[in-house]
Amino acid sequence: MKITWYGQACFEIVSTSGTVIYTDPYDPDKAGFKPFGSSADIIIKSSSNDDFHDNDHLVPKREKATVIDALEVSLMNATIESHGIVFETIEAMEHDLHPSGHPDQNAMYKFTVDEISIGHMGDMGNNFSKDQLAFFNDIDILLSHAGGFPVISLEELSRIVSLVKPKLVIPMHFRTLCFKPRNMFFITEFLKYFPDEIIHFACSSSTVLNKRDLPKQTRALILDYV
């Protein structure tokens, strides 16, 4: 499996069979990150109500591509299958004090590619409930908020990681030099919550992962943005 962080909450995940998944695509003009460079088989977004997470219309699509609204799925039966991949969802909310003044509902989601389970925090802004913690239990890779308000605090992230114990934490949704909004932390704040010996810098926007190579204990893998 190859995973690439485009920026914000958007990852491109490519299976060994060639299936291309995009998560929570941003608007390049509003976010400051680059346009998406490949065509998707599946686009999953945490909701259809956020300019920084729901821009599936800006992602090139292959024939028979599907778009999944995780919130919509969570309000129905909580699971959906596309291209042989099962996506599970759970409801979430933006921060109670969201700058917009009206926090919106969204959803977190998880799925498995090449026997590696991946969890995505969507646009979650509040402390996790017991059910939400259980949802991510035994996950291999946690695509994790790392910029603080208006998503979960870094203290809450530390609590989640200590309880869920993912093999890898890959941070997202933090401030970068090109990201236009200025209301989040740089990655340096995230790093304060992890010992130096478990932090690895990919020095690239992409990494290739195999199930057998995943660490036995939690480590943080820092990707650059595309």
Protein backbone atom coordinates (compact mmCIF):
# COMPACT_ATOMS: atom_id res chain seq x y z
CA MET A 1 0.00 0.00 0.00
CA LYS A 2 1.20 3.48 -0.85
CA ILE A 3 -0.09 6.41 1.17
CA THR A 4 0.41 10.05 0.20
CA TRP A 5 -0.55 13.11 2.23
CA TYR A 6 -1.74 15.90 -0.03
CA GLY A 7 -2.44 18.28 2.86
CA GLN A 8 -5.12 19.10 5.43
CA ALA A 9 -7.17 15.88 5.89
CA CYS A 10 -6.63 14.55 2.37
CA PHE A 11 -4.68 11.35 1.73
CA GLU A 12 -4.32 9.30 -1.42
CA ILE A 13 -4.16 5.59 -0.62
CA VAL A 14 -3.28 3.15 -3.39
CA SER A 15 -3.64 -0.59 -2.86
CA THR A 16 -1.26 -3.13 -4.38
CA SER A 17 -4.01 -3.98 -6.87
CA GLY A 18 -4.17 -0.34 -7.97
CA THR A 19 -7.38 0.85 -6.29
CA VAL A 20 -7.06 4.58 -5.55
CA ILE A 21 -8.82 6.10 -2.51
CA TYR A 22 -8.94 9.78 -1.60
CA THR A 23 -10.00 11.03 1.83
CA ASP A 24 -11.59 14.40 2.69
CA PRO A 25 -10.44 16.40 -0.36
CA TYR A 26 -9.83 20.13 0.15
CA ASP A 27 -10.28 23.04 -2.27
CA PRO A 28 -6.74 23.92 -3.49
CA ASP A 29 -7.62 27.58 -3.94
CA LYS A 30 -8.91 27.93 -0.38
CA ALA A 31 -6.41 25.65 1.35
CA GLY A 32 -3.23 26.56 -0.51
CA PHE A 33 -2.24 22.95 -1.26
CA LYS A 34 -1.72 21.51 -4.75
CA PRO A 35 -4.50 20.11 -6.98
CA PHE A 36 -4.96 16.35 -6.93
CA GLY A 37 -2.67 14.50 -9.30
CA SER A 38 -4.34 11.16 -9.97
CA SER A 39 -7.77 9.73 -10.68
CA ALA A 40 -9.74 8.11 -7.88
CA ASP A 41 -11.77 4.92 -7.68
CA ILE A 42 -13.20 5.94 -4.30
CA ILE A 43 -13.53 9.32 -2.61
CA ILE A 44 -14.68 9.29 0.99
CA LYS A 45 -15.45 12.51 2.86
CA SER A 46 -16.46 13.08 6.46
CA SER A 47 -19.47 15.17 5.43
CA SER A 48 -20.86 17.28 2.59
CA ASN A 49 -20.94 20.51 4.57
CA ASP A 50 -17.32 21.69 4.85
CA ASP A 51 -15.24 23.57 2.28
CA PHE A 52 -12.00 21.98 3.52
CA HIS A 53 -13.21 18.36 3.54
CA ASP A 54 -15.88 17.73 0.92
CA ASN A 55 -14.50 18.72 -2.49
CA ASP A 56 -14.97 15.42 -4.30
CA HIS A 57 -15.89 17.39 -7.42
CA LEU A 58 -12.27 18.60 -7.66
CA VAL A 59 -10.74 15.10 -7.70
CA PRO A 60 -10.29 13.41 -11.11
CA LYS A 61 -12.30 10.19 -11.27
CA ARG A 62 -11.92 6.87 -13.01
CA GLU A 63 -14.78 5.09 -14.70
CA LYS A 64 -17.20 3.69 -12.09
CA ALA A 65 -15.70 5.86 -9.34
CA THR A 66 -17.80 6.19 -6.18
CA VAL A 67 -18.18 9.07 -3.73
CA ILE A 68 -18.99 8.19 -0.11
CA ASP A 69 -20.40 10.68 2.38
CA ALA A 70 -19.36 9.11 5.70
CA LEU A 71 -21.89 11.14 7.68
CA GLU A 72 -24.70 9.98 5.43
CA VAL A 73 -23.57 6.38 5.86
CA SER A 74 -23.29 6.73 9.64
CA LEU A 75 -26.85 8.03 9.85
CA MET A 76 -28.11 5.01 7.92
CA ASN A 77 -26.41 1.66 8.51
CA ALA A 78 -22.82 2.74 9.41
CA THR A 79 -21.11 0.58 6.76
CA ILE A 80 -20.78 0.64 2.99
CA GLU A 81 -18.76 -1.37 0.47
CA SER A 82 -17.11 -0.09 -2.69
CA HIS A 83 -14.59 -1.79 -4.99
CA GLY A 84 -14.36 -4.66 -2.51
CA ILE A 85 -13.42 -2.38 0.42
CA VAL A 86 -15.72 -2.03 3.44
CA PHE A 87 -15.94 1.40 5.04
CA GLU A 88 -17.22 1.71 8.61
CA THR A 89 -18.33 5.06 10.03
CA ILE A 90 -19.25 6.71 13.31
CA GLU A 91 -20.84 10.10 13.94
CA ALA A 92 -18.72 13.06 15.08
CA MET A 93 -19.09 16.81 15.60
CA GLU A 94 -16.98 19.87 14.96
CA HIS A 95 -15.71 21.73 18.02
CA ASP A 96 -18.49 23.17 20.17
CA LEU A 97 -16.84 26.60 19.81
CA HIS A 98 -16.12 26.29 16.10
CA PRO A 99 -15.10 29.64 14.54
CA SER A 100 -18.04 29.44 12.14
CA GLY A 101 -20.39 29.82 15.11
CA HIS A 102 -22.39 26.78 14.04
CA PRO A 103 -20.51 23.49 14.49
CA ASP A 104 -21.58 20.88 11.96
CA GLN A 105 -22.01 17.17 12.26
CA ASN A 106 -19.59 14.92 10.38
CA ALA A 107 -18.27 11.35 10.67
CA MET A 108 -15.05 9.49 11.30
CA TYR A 109 -14.35 6.34 9.32
CA LYS A 110 -12.14 3.29 8.97
CA PHE A 111 -11.35 0.74 6.29
CA THR A 112 -8.80 -1.95 5.45
CA VAL A 113 -6.42 -1.98 2.47
CA ASP A 114 -3.91 -4.77 1.90
CA GLU A 115 -4.70 -6.17 5.37
CA ILE A 116 -3.79 -2.82 6.99
CA SER A 117 -6.61 -1.14 8.90
CA ILE A 118 -6.77 2.64 8.61
CA GLY A 119 -8.77 5.09 10.73
CA HIS A 120 -9.49 8.71 9.75
CA MET A 121 -10.65 11.34 12.25
CA GLY A 122 -12.73 13.30 9.74
CA ASP A 123 -13.40 16.77 11.19
CA MET A 124 -13.83 15.74 14.84
CA GLY A 125 -13.48 18.65 17.26
CA ASN A 126 -14.36 17.26 20.69
CA ASN A 127 -13.16 14.68 23.17
CA PHE A 128 -13.86 11.10 22.15
CA SER A 129 -16.71 9.16 23.71
CA LYS A 130 -16.28 5.55 24.80
CA ASP A 131 -17.95 4.40 21.59
CA GLN A 132 -15.64 6.50 19.45
CA LEU A 133 -12.59 5.15 21.25
CA ALA A 134 -13.85 1.61 20.77
CA PHE A 135 -14.39 2.35 17.06
CA PHE A 136 -10.65 2.88 16.59
CA ASN A 137 -9.53 0.08 18.89
CA ASP A 138 -6.81 -2.14 17.35
CA ILE A 139 -6.41 0.11 14.32
CA ASP A 140 -3.09 -0.23 12.47
CA ILE A 141 -2.81 3.36 11.18
CA LEU A 142 -4.47 6.39 12.74
CA LEU A 143 -4.72 9.41 10.45
CA SER A 144 -4.73 11.89 13.25
CA HIS A 145 -5.52 15.56 13.82
CA ALA A 146 -2.37 17.33 14.92
CA GLY A 147 -3.03 21.07 14.77
CA GLY A 148 -5.25 21.64 17.80
CA PHE A 149 -8.32 23.89 17.78
CA PRO A 150 -10.70 23.80 15.95
CA VAL A 151 -10.19 20.01 15.88
CA ILE A 152 -9.34 17.85 18.90
CA SER A 153 -6.73 19.11 21.35
CA LEU A 154 -3.28 17.57 21.43
CA GLU A 155 -3.95 16.50 25.01
CA GLU A 156 -6.97 14.56 23.80
CA LEU A 157 -4.95 13.07 20.96
CA SER A 158 -2.36 11.85 23.45
CA ARG A 159 -5.13 10.21 25.49
CA ILE A 160 -6.62 8.55 22.40
CA VAL A 161 -3.28 7.16 21.25
CA SER A 162 -2.47 5.79 24.71
CA LEU A 163 -5.78 3.91 24.79
CA VAL A 164 -6.19 2.85 21.15
CA LYS A 165 -2.50 1.99 20.62
CA PRO A 166 -2.29 2.22 16.81
CA LYS A 167 0.84 0.89 15.15
CA LEU A 168 1.38 4.18 13.34
CA VAL A 169 0.08 7.68 13.94
CA ILE A 170 0.26 9.79 10.78
CA PRO A 171 -0.55 13.44 11.56
CA MET A 172 -2.76 15.64 9.39
CA HIS A 173 -4.83 18.83 9.72
CA PHE A 174 -2.01 21.05 11.00
CA ARG A 175 -0.56 24.34 9.84
CA THR A 176 2.06 24.31 7.08
CA LEU A 177 3.96 27.04 5.29
CA CYS A 178 1.55 26.98 2.35
CA PHE A 179 -1.72 26.37 4.25
CA LYS A 180 -3.73 29.58 4.00
CA PRO A 181 -5.63 29.41 7.34
CA ARG A 182 -3.42 30.47 10.26
CA ASN A 183 -5.42 29.24 13.25
CA MET A 184 -3.69 25.90 13.88
CA PHE A 185 -0.38 24.70 15.32
CA PHE A 186 2.64 23.72 13.26
CA ILE A 187 3.80 20.10 13.58
CA THR A 188 6.28 21.11 16.30
CA GLU A 189 3.47 21.18 18.87
CA PHE A 190 2.40 17.64 17.96
CA LEU A 191 5.98 16.41 18.38
CA LYS A 192 6.04 17.54 22.01
CA TYR A 193 3.58 14.77 22.87
CA PHE A 194 5.72 11.91 21.54
CA PRO A 195 9.18 10.78 22.67
CA ASP A 196 11.91 11.45 20.10
CA GLU A 197 12.72 7.75 19.76
CA ILE A 198 9.28 6.90 18.33
CA ILE A 199 9.13 9.75 15.81
CA HIS A 200 10.11 9.09 12.20
CA PHE A 201 10.25 11.67 9.40
CA ALA A 202 9.50 10.30 5.95
CA CYS A 203 11.08 13.41 4.32
CA SER A 204 8.54 12.82 1.56
CA SER A 205 4.80 13.12 1.03
CA SER A 206 4.51 9.38 0.38
CA THR A 207 5.42 6.11 2.03
CA VAL A 208 4.94 2.45 1.10
CA LEU A 209 3.69 0.21 3.92
CA ASN A 210 3.36 -3.55 4.29
CA LYS A 211 1.50 -5.33 7.07
CA ARG A 212 4.57 -7.32 8.08
CA ASP A 213 6.68 -4.16 8.45
CA LEU A 214 4.38 -2.31 10.84
CA PRO A 215 5.94 -1.66 14.26
CA LYS A 216 4.79 -3.68 17.25
CA GLN A 217 4.45 -0.55 19.41
CA THR A 218 3.08 2.86 18.48
CA ARG A 219 5.25 5.16 16.40
CA ALA A 220 4.57 8.49 14.73
CA LEU A 221 5.32 8.86 11.01
CA ILE A 222 5.53 12.46 9.75
CA LEU A 223 4.80 12.95 6.07
CA ASP A 224 5.44 16.12 4.12
CA TYR A 225 2.58 17.57 2.07
CA VAL A 226 2.56 17.18 -1.71
